[in-house]
Amino acid sequence: MSGSMYFIKHDNGCAPDALEINQTDIPVLASGQVLVKVACFGLNRADTLQRQGKYPAPAGESDILGLEVSGEIVQMHPEQMSLQQTSYQAFELGDKVFGLVAGGGYAEYVAVHSQHLMPVPKNMNMAQAAGIAECFLTAYQALFIENDLQPNQNVLIHAGASGVGLAAIQLAKRQGCAVAVTASSQVKLDLCNQLGADLVINYKQQDFAVEIAKHWQGCDLIIDFVAGDYLNRNLKLLNIDGSVIYLAMLAGRYADTLDMAMMLGKRATVKASTLRSRHDQYKTHLIKEFSQACLADFDDCKLIPNIDTEFVAKDVGNAHQRLEDNNTMGKLIGCW
């Protein structure tokens, strides 16, 4: 398909209110790709970092912002059409889909690896579908790929009211685990509680380490978006052979002076993980595993994407400002 499309333009280092709608060419498909006419796109903290010039797109990928979309397949690469019968997930023109992109989501059309897409769940609109991929795949990866979460384990999730945090609560409870969360306000904690969190902690008013110690023997897994001075505090809470996985660094890139004696004594595993920079084969495997394990639960509303607010495309700058102000509960969605 040739022609032009609208997209949301940014300049590296620009402020949120400098985002603007502009025009560019519709992307040309490579082998294995399909063209999706985007209905909605999810907004993520990675988008704000890229806008600020701190998180460039991977080499060879679109430098347009946006890591997840929902929409309709309107074109398929000829080779992709011939490969459909050998793919675990076969799509046709007109199918309603959602999924991951390595860049280019803030546009009317995006070229997507076909195996990075999933069918829109039953009874779910496009805005809801656009809020699944990045959050739930990141959470699933942290819980079940980077770790081997088992029933009856204790899981602490910092930034519990973030999109990934809310997804992680649901996935951990689905596995039969006890879940504690930290968040900055009672309304955020109430939302976490509604989605299944067993122990909710206002980190502005309570010391999470003290509160955890009152109720649990310790944590088997801690998912942390904060870093900074949380590092040693997390280690103190770990059970023997427990794990801490870092998904962001809201407190800055440098952490505590690591207490190696405590880490060795706990036989602790400390890991960091991202999703965007993973190679296509990894993402294909992750999406296949997640789809087979979890997708049916969205059809039955046993898993739900929590959508905070939908923005029309021209107002996405306001959404970026809210992300930077940490003024969200769940996903912000942009819609064309």
C-alpha atoms as a PDB file:
ATOM      1  CA  MET A   1       0.000   0.000   0.000  1.00  0.00           C
ATOM      2  CA  SER A   2       1.429   3.360  -0.978  1.00  0.00           C
ATOM      3  CA  GLY A   3       0.496   6.843   0.091  1.00  0.00           C
ATOM      4  CA  SER A   4       0.856   9.033   3.149  1.00  0.00           C
ATOM      5  CA  MET A   5      -0.317   8.743   6.734  1.00  0.00           C
ATOM      6  CA  TYR A   6      -0.563  10.849   9.836  1.00  0.00           C
ATOM      7  CA  PHE A   7       1.763  10.219  12.762  1.00  0.00           C
ATOM      8  CA  ILE A   8       2.738  11.977  15.978  1.00  0.00           C
ATOM      9  CA  LYS A   9       6.062  13.724  15.453  1.00  0.00           C
ATOM     10  CA  HIS A  10       8.623  14.361  18.161  1.00  0.00           C
ATOM     11  CA  ASP A  11      12.070  15.934  18.282  1.00  0.00           C
ATOM     12  CA  ASN A  12      14.577  14.426  20.696  1.00  0.00           C
ATOM     13  CA  GLY A  13      14.532  16.424  23.893  1.00  0.00           C
ATOM     14  CA  CYS A  14      11.216  18.121  23.224  1.00  0.00           C
ATOM     15  CA  ALA A  15       8.602  18.839  25.870  1.00  0.00           C
ATOM     16  CA  PRO A  16       5.301  16.905  25.949  1.00  0.00           C
ATOM     17  CA  ASP A  17       3.381  19.841  24.499  1.00  0.00           C
ATOM     18  CA  ALA A  18       5.710  19.877  21.458  1.00  0.00           C
ATOM     19  CA  LEU A  19       4.310  16.579  20.158  1.00  0.00           C
ATOM     20  CA  GLU A  20       2.375  17.277  16.989  1.00  0.00           C
ATOM     21  CA  ILE A  21       0.549  15.475  14.206  1.00  0.00           C
ATOM     22  CA  ASN A  22       2.481  15.382  10.942  1.00  0.00           C
ATOM     23  CA  GLN A  23       2.553  13.350   7.727  1.00  0.00           C
ATOM     24  CA  THR A  24       4.934  10.721   6.361  1.00  0.00           C
ATOM     25  CA  ASP A  25       4.868   7.759   3.981  1.00  0.00           C
ATOM     26  CA  ILE A  26       3.014   4.556   4.852  1.00  0.00           C
ATOM     27  CA  PRO A  27       5.691   1.967   5.754  1.00  0.00           C
ATOM     28  CA  VAL A  28       6.784  -0.628   3.208  1.00  0.00           C
ATOM     29  CA  LEU A  29       6.442  -4.219   4.379  1.00  0.00           C
ATOM     30  CA  ALA A  30       9.407  -6.515   4.840  1.00  0.00           C
ATOM     31  CA  SER A  31       9.220 -10.300   4.719  1.00  0.00           C
ATOM     32  CA  GLY A  32       7.104 -11.688   7.556  1.00  0.00           C
ATOM     33  CA  GLN A  33       5.291  -8.401   8.178  1.00  0.00           C
ATOM     34  CA  VAL A  34       1.704  -7.251   7.862  1.00  0.00           C
ATOM     35  CA  LEU A  35       0.365  -3.700   7.692  1.00  0.00           C
ATOM     36  CA  VAL A  36      -1.998  -2.734  10.495  1.00  0.00           C
ATOM     37  CA  LYS A  37      -4.323   0.243  10.250  1.00  0.00           C
ATOM     38  CA  VAL A  38      -4.009   1.515  13.799  1.00  0.00           C
ATOM     39  CA  ALA A  39      -7.151   2.245  15.782  1.00  0.00           C
ATOM     40  CA  CYS A  40      -5.506   2.775  19.173  1.00  0.00           C
ATOM     41  CA  PHE A  41      -2.040   2.714  20.695  1.00  0.00           C
ATOM     42  CA  GLY A  42      -0.784   2.304  24.241  1.00  0.00           C
ATOM     43  CA  LEU A  43       1.430   4.907  25.886  1.00  0.00           C
ATOM     44  CA  ASN A  44       4.404   3.773  27.946  1.00  0.00           C
ATOM     45  CA  ARG A  45       7.170   5.368  29.999  1.00  0.00           C
ATOM     46  CA  ALA A  46       9.605   4.187  27.340  1.00  0.00           C
ATOM     47  CA  ASP A  47       7.855   6.589  24.946  1.00  0.00           C
ATOM     48  CA  THR A  48       8.537   9.546  27.222  1.00  0.00           C
ATOM     49  CA  LEU A  49      12.185   8.512  27.551  1.00  0.00           C
ATOM     50  CA  GLN A  50      12.525   8.231  23.774  1.00  0.00           C
ATOM     51  CA  ARG A  51      10.943  11.657  23.344  1.00  0.00           C
ATOM     52  CA  GLN A  52      13.476  13.031  25.820  1.00  0.00           C
ATOM     53  CA  GLY A  53      16.318  11.544  23.754  1.00  0.00           C
ATOM     54  CA  LYS A  54      17.246   8.977  26.426  1.00  0.00           C
ATOM     55  CA  TYR A  55      15.952   5.766  24.836  1.00  0.00           C
ATOM     56  CA  PRO A  56      16.509   5.597  21.062  1.00  0.00           C
ATOM     57  CA  ALA A  57      14.718   3.109  18.856  1.00  0.00           C
ATOM     58  CA  PRO A  58      16.655  -0.113  18.156  1.00  0.00           C
ATOM     59  CA  ALA A  59      18.742  -0.053  14.980  1.00  0.00           C
ATOM     60  CA  GLY A  60      16.628  -0.614  11.890  1.00  0.00           C
ATOM     61  CA  GLU A  61      13.314   0.143  13.595  1.00  0.00           C
ATOM     62  CA  SER A  62      10.998   3.108  13.096  1.00  0.00           C
ATOM     63  CA  ASP A  63      11.948   6.160  15.138  1.00  0.00           C
ATOM     64  CA  ILE A  64       8.253   7.051  15.491  1.00  0.00           C
ATOM     65  CA  LEU A  65       7.137   6.615  19.103  1.00  0.00           C
ATOM     66  CA  GLY A  66       4.915   3.760  20.192  1.00  0.00           C
ATOM     67  CA  LEU A  67       5.416   0.129  21.252  1.00  0.00           C
ATOM     68  CA  GLU A  68       1.920  -1.402  21.133  1.00  0.00           C
ATOM     69  CA  VAL A  69      -1.150  -1.032  18.951  1.00  0.00           C
ATOM     70  CA  SER A  70      -4.559  -2.404  18.116  1.00  0.00           C
ATOM     71  CA  GLY A  71      -6.180  -2.249  14.707  1.00  0.00           C
ATOM     72  CA  GLU A  72      -7.014  -4.104  11.511  1.00  0.00           C
ATOM     73  CA  ILE A  73      -4.748  -5.988   9.094  1.00  0.00           C
ATOM     74  CA  VAL A  74      -5.034  -4.230   5.724  1.00  0.00           C
ATOM     75  CA  GLN A  75      -2.047  -5.665   3.826  1.00  0.00           C
ATOM     76  CA  MET A  76       0.181  -8.740   3.992  1.00  0.00           C
ATOM     77  CA  HIS A  77       3.622  -9.297   2.511  1.00  0.00           C
ATOM     78  CA  PRO A  78       3.360 -11.893  -0.294  1.00  0.00           C
ATOM     79  CA  GLU A  79       5.797 -14.198   1.494  1.00  0.00           C
ATOM     80  CA  GLN A  80       3.760 -13.911   4.675  1.00  0.00           C
ATOM     81  CA  MET A  81       0.634 -15.095   2.865  1.00  0.00           C
ATOM     82  CA  SER A  82       2.463 -18.224   1.689  1.00  0.00           C
ATOM     83  CA  LEU A  83       3.773 -18.905   5.232  1.00  0.00           C
ATOM     84  CA  GLN A  84       0.409 -18.694   6.947  1.00  0.00           C
ATOM     85  CA  GLN A  85      -0.175 -22.431   7.179  1.00  0.00           C
ATOM     86  CA  THR A  86       3.131 -23.011   8.988  1.00  0.00           C
ATOM     87  CA  SER A  87       2.673 -20.176  11.501  1.00  0.00           C
ATOM     88  CA  TYR A  88       1.295 -20.881  14.969  1.00  0.00           C
ATOM     89  CA  GLN A  89      -1.031 -17.888  14.543  1.00  0.00           C
ATOM     90  CA  ALA A  90      -2.522 -17.407  11.069  1.00  0.00           C
ATOM     91  CA  PHE A  91      -4.188 -14.110  10.182  1.00  0.00           C
ATOM     92  CA  GLU A  92      -6.210 -12.856   7.251  1.00  0.00           C
ATOM     93  CA  LEU A  93      -6.930  -9.446   5.789  1.00  0.00           C
ATOM     94  CA  GLY A  94      -9.508  -7.666   7.897  1.00  0.00           C
ATOM     95  CA  ASP A  95      -8.630  -9.435  11.142  1.00  0.00           C
ATOM     96  CA  LYS A  96      -8.799  -7.301  14.284  1.00  0.00           C
ATOM     97  CA  VAL A  97      -5.502  -7.637  16.145  1.00  0.00           C
ATOM     98  CA  PHE A  98      -3.291  -6.163  18.852  1.00  0.00           C
ATOM     99  CA  GLY A  99       0.361  -6.596  19.634  1.00  0.00           C
ATOM    100  CA  LEU A 100       3.925  -5.366  19.993  1.00  0.00           C
ATOM    101  CA  VAL A 101       5.918  -3.123  17.716  1.00  0.00           C
ATOM    102  CA  ALA A 102       9.540  -2.048  18.223  1.00  0.00           C
ATOM    103  CA  GLY A 103       8.579   1.462  17.109  1.00  0.00           C
ATOM    104  CA  GLY A 104       6.033   3.244  14.949  1.00  0.00           C
ATOM    105  CA  GLY A 105       2.920   2.777  17.070  1.00  0.00           C
ATOM    106  CA  TYR A 106       1.961   6.473  17.151  1.00  0.00           C
ATOM    107  CA  ALA A 107       0.891   6.386  13.504  1.00  0.00           C
ATOM    108  CA  GLU A 108      -2.145   5.587  11.378  1.00  0.00           C
ATOM    109  CA  TYR A 109      -0.387   2.550   9.885  1.00  0.00           C
ATOM    110  CA  VAL A 110       2.398   0.352  11.216  1.00  0.00           C
ATOM    111  CA  ALA A 111       4.354  -2.590   9.808  1.00  0.00           C
ATOM    112  CA  VAL A 112       4.330  -5.462  12.311  1.00  0.00           C
ATOM    113  CA  HIS A 113       5.905  -8.911  12.417  1.00  0.00           C
ATOM    114  CA  SER A 114       2.802 -11.097  12.052  1.00  0.00           C
ATOM    115  CA  GLN A 115       3.839 -13.375  14.915  1.00  0.00           C
ATOM    116  CA  HIS A 116       3.959 -10.386  17.262  1.00  0.00           C
ATOM    117  CA  LEU A 117       0.194  -9.969  16.920  1.00  0.00           C
ATOM    118  CA  MET A 118      -2.717 -11.566  18.753  1.00  0.00           C
ATOM    119  CA  PRO A 119      -6.456 -11.573  17.984  1.00  0.00           C
ATOM    120  CA  VAL A 120      -8.538  -8.994  19.818  1.00  0.00           C
ATOM    121  CA  PRO A 121     -10.355 -10.833  22.645  1.00  0.00           C
ATOM    122  CA  LYS A 122     -14.107 -11.297  22.496  1.00  0.00           C
ATOM    123  CA  ASN A 123     -16.251  -8.446  23.819  1.00  0.00           C
ATOM    124  CA  MET A 124     -13.225  -6.140  24.002  1.00  0.00           C
ATOM    125  CA  ASN A 125     -12.950  -2.813  22.184  1.00  0.00           C
ATOM    126  CA  MET A 126      -9.851  -1.534  20.422  1.00  0.00           C
ATOM    127  CA  ALA A 127      -8.831   0.810  23.237  1.00  0.00           C
ATOM    128  CA  GLN A 128      -8.869  -2.042  25.752  1.00  0.00           C
ATOM    129  CA  ALA A 129      -6.943  -4.312  23.394  1.00  0.00           C
ATOM    130  CA  ALA A 130      -4.270  -1.643  22.894  1.00  0.00           C
ATOM    131  CA  GLY A 131      -3.603  -1.755  26.642  1.00  0.00           C
ATOM    132  CA  ILE A 132      -2.698  -5.442  26.859  1.00  0.00           C
ATOM    133  CA  ALA A 133       0.520  -6.215  24.998  1.00  0.00           C
ATOM    134  CA  GLU A 134       3.315  -4.217  26.601  1.00  0.00           C
ATOM    135  CA  CYS A 135       2.007  -4.446  30.174  1.00  0.00           C
ATOM    136  CA  PHE A 136       0.966  -8.077  30.267  1.00  0.00           C
ATOM    137  CA  LEU A 137       3.899  -9.387  28.233  1.00  0.00           C
ATOM    138  CA  THR A 138       6.369  -7.476  30.422  1.00  0.00           C
ATOM    139  CA  ALA A 139       4.683  -8.803  33.556  1.00  0.00           C
ATOM    140  CA  TYR A 140       4.478 -12.358  32.186  1.00  0.00           C
ATOM    141  CA  GLN A 141       8.142 -12.230  31.192  1.00  0.00           C
ATOM    142  CA  ALA A 142       9.167 -11.078  34.681  1.00  0.00           C
ATOM    143  CA  LEU A 143       7.084 -13.689  36.492  1.00  0.00           C
ATOM    144  CA  PHE A 144       7.449 -16.763  34.306  1.00  0.00           C
ATOM    145  CA  ILE A 145      10.362 -16.336  31.891  1.00  0.00           C
ATOM    146  CA  GLU A 146      12.935 -14.483  33.972  1.00  0.00           C
ATOM    147  CA  ASN A 147      11.633 -16.332  37.039  1.00  0.00           C
ATOM    148  CA  ASP A 148       9.784 -19.586  37.613  1.00  0.00           C
ATOM    149  CA  LEU A 149       6.915 -18.400  39.769  1.00  0.00           C
ATOM    150  CA  GLN A 150       5.269 -21.203  41.717  1.00  0.00           C
ATOM    151  CA  PRO A 151       1.919 -21.361  43.546  1.00  0.00           C
ATOM    152  CA  ASN A 152       1.889 -20.171  47.165  1.00  0.00           C
ATOM    153  CA  GLN A 153       4.957 -17.954  46.772  1.00  0.00           C
ATOM    154  CA  ASN A 154       5.028 -14.384  48.105  1.00  0.00           C
ATOM    155  CA  VAL A 155       5.377 -11.631  45.491  1.00  0.00           C
ATOM    156  CA  LEU A 156       6.026  -7.939  46.208  1.00  0.00           C
ATOM    157  CA  ILE A 157       5.270  -5.542  43.352  1.00  0.00           C
ATOM    158  CA  HIS A 158       6.479  -1.955  43.637  1.00  0.00           C
ATOM    159  CA  ALA A 159       4.548   0.663  41.616  1.00  0.00           C
ATOM    160  CA  GLY A 160       1.585  -1.664  41.867  1.00  0.00           C
ATOM    161  CA  ALA A 161      -0.838   0.758  40.201  1.00  0.00           C
ATOM    162  CA  SER A 162       1.276   1.098  37.064  1.00  0.00           C
ATOM    163  CA  GLY A 163       0.115  -0.712  33.943  1.00  0.00           C
ATOM    164  CA  VAL A 164       2.692  -3.476  34.377  1.00  0.00           C
ATOM    165  CA  GLY A 165       2.062  -3.610  38.112  1.00  0.00           C
ATOM    166  CA  LEU A 166      -1.678  -4.149  37.662  1.00  0.00           C
ATOM    167  CA  ALA A 167      -1.011  -6.848  35.091  1.00  0.00           C
ATOM    168  CA  ALA A 168       1.506  -8.547  37.402  1.00  0.00           C
ATOM    169  CA  ILE A 169      -1.008  -8.579  40.272  1.00  0.00           C
ATOM    170  CA  GLN A 170      -3.525 -10.454  38.144  1.00  0.00           C
ATOM    171  CA  LEU A 171      -1.019 -12.939  36.729  1.00  0.00           C
ATOM    172  CA  ALA A 172       0.501 -13.697  40.138  1.00  0.00           C
ATOM    173  CA  LYS A 173      -2.924 -14.218  41.751  1.00  0.00           C
ATOM    174  CA  ARG A 174      -3.902 -16.436  38.817  1.00  0.00           C
ATOM    175  CA  GLN A 175      -0.845 -18.553  39.728  1.00  0.00           C
ATOM    176  CA  GLY A 176      -2.077 -18.867  43.304  1.00  0.00           C
ATOM    177  CA  CYS A 177       0.461 -16.535  44.922  1.00  0.00           C
ATOM    178  CA  ALA A 178       0.174 -14.017  47.739  1.00  0.00           C
ATOM    179  CA  VAL A 179       0.702 -10.469  46.429  1.00  0.00           C
ATOM    180  CA  ALA A 180       1.806  -7.292  48.192  1.00  0.00           C
ATOM    181  CA  VAL A 181       2.063  -3.922  46.424  1.00  0.00           C
ATOM    182  CA  THR A 182       3.364  -0.449  47.110  1.00  0.00           C
ATOM    183  CA  ALA A 183       1.790   2.714  45.690  1.00  0.00           C
ATOM    184  CA  SER A 184       1.580   6.411  46.518  1.00  0.00           C
ATOM    185  CA  SER A 185      -2.107   6.955  47.363  1.00  0.00           C
ATOM    186  CA  GLN A 186      -5.123   5.219  48.831  1.00  0.00           C
ATOM    187  CA  VAL A 187      -7.046   5.354  45.557  1.00  0.00           C
ATOM    188  CA  LYS A 188      -4.192   3.521  43.818  1.00  0.00           C
ATOM    189  CA  LEU A 189      -4.022   0.971  46.617  1.00  0.00           C
ATOM    190  CA  ASP A 190      -7.789   0.428  46.409  1.00  0.00           C
ATOM    191  CA  LEU A 191      -7.461  -0.389  42.704  1.00  0.00           C
ATOM    192  CA  CYS A 192      -4.671  -2.876  43.432  1.00  0.00           C
ATOM    193  CA  ASN A 193      -6.841  -4.441  46.118  1.00  0.00           C
ATOM    194  CA  GLN A 194      -9.761  -4.766  43.695  1.00  0.00           C
ATOM    195  CA  LEU A 195      -7.542  -6.677  41.268  1.00  0.00           C
ATOM    196  CA  GLY A 196      -6.472  -9.142  43.948  1.00  0.00           C
ATOM    197  CA  ALA A 197      -3.570  -7.688  45.962  1.00  0.00           C
ATOM    198  CA  ASP A 198      -3.544  -9.169  49.465  1.00  0.00           C
ATOM    199  CA  LEU A 199      -1.381  -6.536  51.172  1.00  0.00           C
ATOM    200  CA  VAL A 200      -1.299  -2.884  50.097  1.00  0.00           C
ATOM    201  CA  ILE A 201       1.284  -0.392  51.362  1.00  0.00           C
ATOM    202  CA  ASN A 202       1.343   3.395  50.960  1.00  0.00           C
ATOM    203  CA  TYR A 203       5.072   3.988  50.605  1.00  0.00           C
ATOM    204  CA  LYS A 204       4.648   7.690  51.422  1.00  0.00           C
ATOM    205  CA  GLN A 205       3.193   6.874  54.828  1.00  0.00           C
ATOM    206  CA  GLN A 206       4.588   3.427  55.629  1.00  0.00           C
ATOM    207  CA  ASP A 207       7.927   1.642  55.458  1.00  0.00           C
ATOM    208  CA  PHE A 208       7.267  -1.247  53.109  1.00  0.00           C
ATOM    209  CA  ALA A 209       9.956  -3.384  54.721  1.00  0.00           C
ATOM    210  CA  VAL A 210       8.319  -3.008  58.146  1.00  0.00           C
ATOM    211  CA  GLU A 211       4.850  -3.752  56.780  1.00  0.00           C
ATOM    212  CA  ILE A 212       5.990  -6.841  54.893  1.00  0.00           C
ATOM    213  CA  ALA A 213       7.747  -8.167  58.000  1.00  0.00           C
ATOM    214  CA  LYS A 214       4.514  -7.801  60.008  1.00  0.00           C
ATOM    215  CA  HIS A 215       2.586 -10.086  57.678  1.00  0.00           C
ATOM    216  CA  TRP A 216       5.011 -12.384  55.844  1.00  0.00           C
ATOM    217  CA  GLN A 217       8.132 -14.361  56.601  1.00  0.00           C
ATOM    218  CA  GLY A 218       9.665 -12.809  53.480  1.00  0.00           C
ATOM    219  CA  CYS A 219       9.342 -12.472  49.702  1.00  0.00           C
ATOM    220  CA  ASP A 220      10.175 -15.035  47.063  1.00  0.00           C
ATOM    221  CA  LEU A 221      10.035 -12.503  44.216  1.00  0.00           C
ATOM    222  CA  ILE A 222      10.167  -8.709  44.149  1.00  0.00           C
ATOM    223  CA  ILE A 223       9.344  -6.754  40.988  1.00  0.00           C
ATOM    224  CA  ASP A 224      10.826  -3.267  41.218  1.00  0.00           C
ATOM    225  CA  PHE A 225      10.505  -0.204  38.992  1.00  0.00           C
ATOM    226  CA  VAL A 226      12.172   2.163  41.466  1.00  0.00           C
ATOM    227  CA  ALA A 227      15.783   1.029  42.150  1.00  0.00           C
ATOM    228  CA  GLY A 228      17.821   3.658  44.034  1.00  0.00           C
ATOM    229  CA  ASP A 229      17.685   3.061  47.773  1.00  0.00           C
ATOM    230  CA  TYR A 230      15.218   0.199  47.311  1.00  0.00           C
ATOM    231  CA  LEU A 231      18.018  -2.225  46.393  1.00  0.00           C
ATOM    232  CA  ASN A 232      19.248  -3.227  49.856  1.00  0.00           C
ATOM    233  CA  ARG A 233      15.761  -2.844  51.354  1.00  0.00           C
ATOM    234  CA  ASN A 234      14.509  -5.378  48.816  1.00  0.00           C
ATOM    235  CA  LEU A 235      17.362  -7.764  49.610  1.00  0.00           C
ATOM    236  CA  LYS A 236      16.501  -7.674  53.325  1.00  0.00           C
ATOM    237  CA  LEU A 237      12.996  -8.898  52.534  1.00  0.00           C
ATOM    238  CA  LEU A 238      14.013 -11.780  50.290  1.00  0.00           C
ATOM    239  CA  ASN A 239      13.652 -15.373  51.340  1.00  0.00           C
ATOM    240  CA  ILE A 240      16.616 -17.659  50.706  1.00  0.00           C
ATOM    241  CA  ASP A 241      17.021 -18.189  46.944  1.00  0.00           C
ATOM    242  CA  GLY A 242      14.637 -15.316  46.248  1.00  0.00           C
ATOM    243  CA  SER A 243      14.824 -12.954  43.286  1.00  0.00           C
ATOM    244  CA  VAL A 244      14.561  -9.238  42.602  1.00  0.00           C
ATOM    245  CA  ILE A 245      13.877  -8.183  39.025  1.00  0.00           C
ATOM    246  CA  TYR A 246      14.275  -4.570  37.924  1.00  0.00           C
ATOM    247  CA  LEU A 247      12.053  -3.270  35.119  1.00  0.00           C
ATOM    248  CA  ALA A 248      12.770   0.465  35.439  1.00  0.00           C
ATOM    249  CA  MET A 249      14.767   3.001  37.457  1.00  0.00           C
ATOM    250  CA  LEU A 250      12.337   5.685  38.578  1.00  0.00           C
ATOM    251  CA  ALA A 251      14.726   6.746  41.341  1.00  0.00           C
ATOM    252  CA  GLY A 252      17.604   7.198  38.885  1.00  0.00           C
ATOM    253  CA  ARG A 253      20.256   5.062  37.224  1.00  0.00           C
ATOM    254  CA  TYR A 254      22.480   4.630  40.292  1.00  0.00           C
ATOM    255  CA  ALA A 255      21.486   2.451  43.237  1.00  0.00           C
ATOM    256  CA  ASP A 256      22.653   1.808  46.781  1.00  0.00           C
ATOM    257  CA  THR A 257      26.076   0.520  47.620  1.00  0.00           C
ATOM    258  CA  LEU A 258      25.211  -3.143  47.201  1.00  0.00           C
ATOM    259  CA  ASP A 259      25.379  -5.219  50.377  1.00  0.00           C
ATOM    260  CA  MET A 260      27.163  -8.246  48.939  1.00  0.00           C
ATOM    261  CA  ALA A 261      27.183 -10.069  52.281  1.00  0.00           C
ATOM    262  CA  MET A 262      23.397  -9.928  52.402  1.00  0.00           C
ATOM    263  CA  MET A 263      23.100 -10.930  48.763  1.00  0.00           C
ATOM    264  CA  LEU A 264      25.378 -13.940  49.282  1.00  0.00           C
ATOM    265  CA  GLY A 265      23.669 -14.887  52.521  1.00  0.00           C
ATOM    266  CA  LYS A 266      20.286 -14.940  50.788  1.00  0.00           C
ATOM    267  CA  ARG A 267      21.686 -16.640  47.669  1.00  0.00           C
ATOM    268  CA  ALA A 268      19.738 -13.865  45.985  1.00  0.00           C
ATOM    269  CA  THR A 269      19.269 -13.358  42.273  1.00  0.00           C
ATOM    270  CA  VAL A 270      19.136  -9.742  41.086  1.00  0.00           C
ATOM    271  CA  LYS A 271      18.168  -9.274  37.456  1.00  0.00           C
ATOM    272  CA  ALA A 272      17.149  -6.519  35.086  1.00  0.00           C
ATOM    273  CA  SER A 273      14.949  -6.950  32.058  1.00  0.00           C
ATOM    274  CA  THR A 274      13.521  -5.015  29.131  1.00  0.00           C
ATOM    275  CA  LEU A 275      11.319  -6.143  26.260  1.00  0.00           C
ATOM    276  CA  ARG A 276      11.719  -3.678  23.408  1.00  0.00           C
ATOM    277  CA  SER A 277      15.326  -4.569  22.571  1.00  0.00           C
ATOM    278  CA  ARG A 278      14.709  -8.336  22.457  1.00  0.00           C
ATOM    279  CA  HIS A 279      15.165 -10.018  19.097  1.00  0.00           C
ATOM    280  CA  ASP A 280      12.167 -11.042  16.992  1.00  0.00           C
ATOM    281  CA  GLN A 281      12.496 -14.764  17.718  1.00  0.00           C
ATOM    282  CA  TYR A 282      12.381 -14.139  21.469  1.00  0.00           C
ATOM    283  CA  LYS A 283       9.274 -11.961  21.132  1.00  0.00           C
ATOM    284  CA  THR A 284       7.613 -14.579  18.932  1.00  0.00           C
ATOM    285  CA  HIS A 285       8.264 -17.264  21.552  1.00  0.00           C
ATOM    286  CA  LEU A 286       7.068 -15.023  24.393  1.00  0.00           C
ATOM    287  CA  ILE A 287       3.860 -14.041  22.590  1.00  0.00           C
ATOM    288  CA  LYS A 288       3.134 -17.643  21.626  1.00  0.00           C
ATOM    289  CA  GLU A 289       3.584 -18.837  25.215  1.00  0.00           C
ATOM    290  CA  PHE A 290       1.552 -15.957  26.644  1.00  0.00           C
ATOM    291  CA  SER A 291      -1.226 -16.470  24.090  1.00  0.00           C
ATOM    292  CA  GLN A 292      -1.520 -20.159  24.818  1.00  0.00           C
ATOM    293  CA  ALA A 293      -1.414 -19.649  28.587  1.00  0.00           C
ATOM    294  CA  CYS A 294      -3.470 -16.488  29.071  1.00  0.00           C
ATOM    295  CA  LEU A 295      -5.358 -15.164  26.048  1.00  0.00           C
ATOM    296  CA  ALA A 296      -8.548 -17.142  26.704  1.00  0.00           C
ATOM    297  CA  ASP A 297      -8.777 -15.526  30.136  1.00  0.00           C
ATOM    298  CA  PHE A 298      -9.273 -12.129  28.480  1.00  0.00           C
ATOM    299  CA  ASP A 299     -12.238 -13.578  26.585  1.00  0.00           C
ATOM    300  CA  ASP A 300     -13.736 -14.610  29.940  1.00  0.00           C
ATOM    301  CA  CYS A 301     -12.720 -11.352  31.707  1.00  0.00           C
ATOM    302  CA  LYS A 302     -10.618 -13.303  34.195  1.00  0.00           C
ATOM    303  CA  LEU A 303      -7.794 -11.003  33.107  1.00  0.00           C
ATOM    304  CA  ILE A 304      -8.522  -7.364  32.296  1.00  0.00           C
ATOM    305  CA  PRO A 305      -6.493  -4.439  30.995  1.00  0.00           C
ATOM    306  CA  ASN A 306      -7.012  -1.485  33.290  1.00  0.00           C
ATOM    307  CA  ILE A 307      -7.512   1.616  31.134  1.00  0.00           C
ATOM    308  CA  ASP A 308      -7.056   4.896  32.954  1.00  0.00           C
ATOM    309  CA  THR A 309      -7.849   7.385  30.163  1.00  0.00           C
ATOM    310  CA  GLU A 310      -8.281   7.463  26.387  1.00  0.00           C
ATOM    311  CA  PHE A 311      -6.814  10.444  24.524  1.00  0.00           C
ATOM    312  CA  VAL A 312      -7.463  11.536  20.963  1.00  0.00           C
ATOM    313  CA  ALA A 313      -4.204  11.572  19.020  1.00  0.00           C
ATOM    314  CA  LYS A 314      -3.825  15.355  19.033  1.00  0.00           C
ATOM    315  CA  ASP A 315      -3.839  15.362  22.851  1.00  0.00           C
ATOM    316  CA  VAL A 316      -1.124  12.743  23.387  1.00  0.00           C
ATOM    317  CA  GLY A 317       1.171  15.447  24.780  1.00  0.00           C
ATOM    318  CA  ASN A 318      -1.175  15.702  27.767  1.00  0.00           C
ATOM    319  CA  ALA A 319      -0.841  11.959  28.266  1.00  0.00           C
ATOM    320  CA  HIS A 320       2.959  12.206  28.227  1.00  0.00           C
ATOM    321  CA  GLN A 321       2.780  14.903  30.889  1.00  0.00           C
ATOM    322  CA  ARG A 322       0.637  12.674  33.087  1.00  0.00           C
ATOM    323  CA  LEU A 323       3.108   9.813  32.703  1.00  0.00           C
ATOM    324  CA  GLU A 324       5.973  12.097  33.710  1.00  0.00           C
ATOM    325  CA  ASP A 325       3.972  13.374  36.693  1.00  0.00           C
ATOM    326  CA  ASN A 326       3.308   9.772  37.803  1.00  0.00           C
ATOM    327  CA  ASN A 327      -0.386  10.648  37.671  1.00  0.00           C
ATOM    328  CA  THR A 328      -1.808   7.412  36.283  1.00  0.00           C
ATOM    329  CA  MET A 329      -3.533   4.233  37.382  1.00  0.00           C
ATOM    330  CA  GLY A 330      -3.143   1.695  34.611  1.00  0.00           C
ATOM    331  CA  LYS A 331      -2.859   2.425  30.907  1.00  0.00           C
ATOM    332  CA  LEU A 332      -3.172   5.634  28.949  1.00  0.00           C
ATOM    333  CA  ILE A 333      -4.413   5.008  25.403  1.00  0.00           C
ATOM    334  CA  GLY A 334      -4.182   7.150  22.271  1.00  0.00           C
ATOM    335  CA  CYS A 335      -6.884   6.832  19.593  1.00  0.00           C
ATOM    336  CA  TRP A 336      -7.074   8.005  15.985  1.00  0.00           C
END
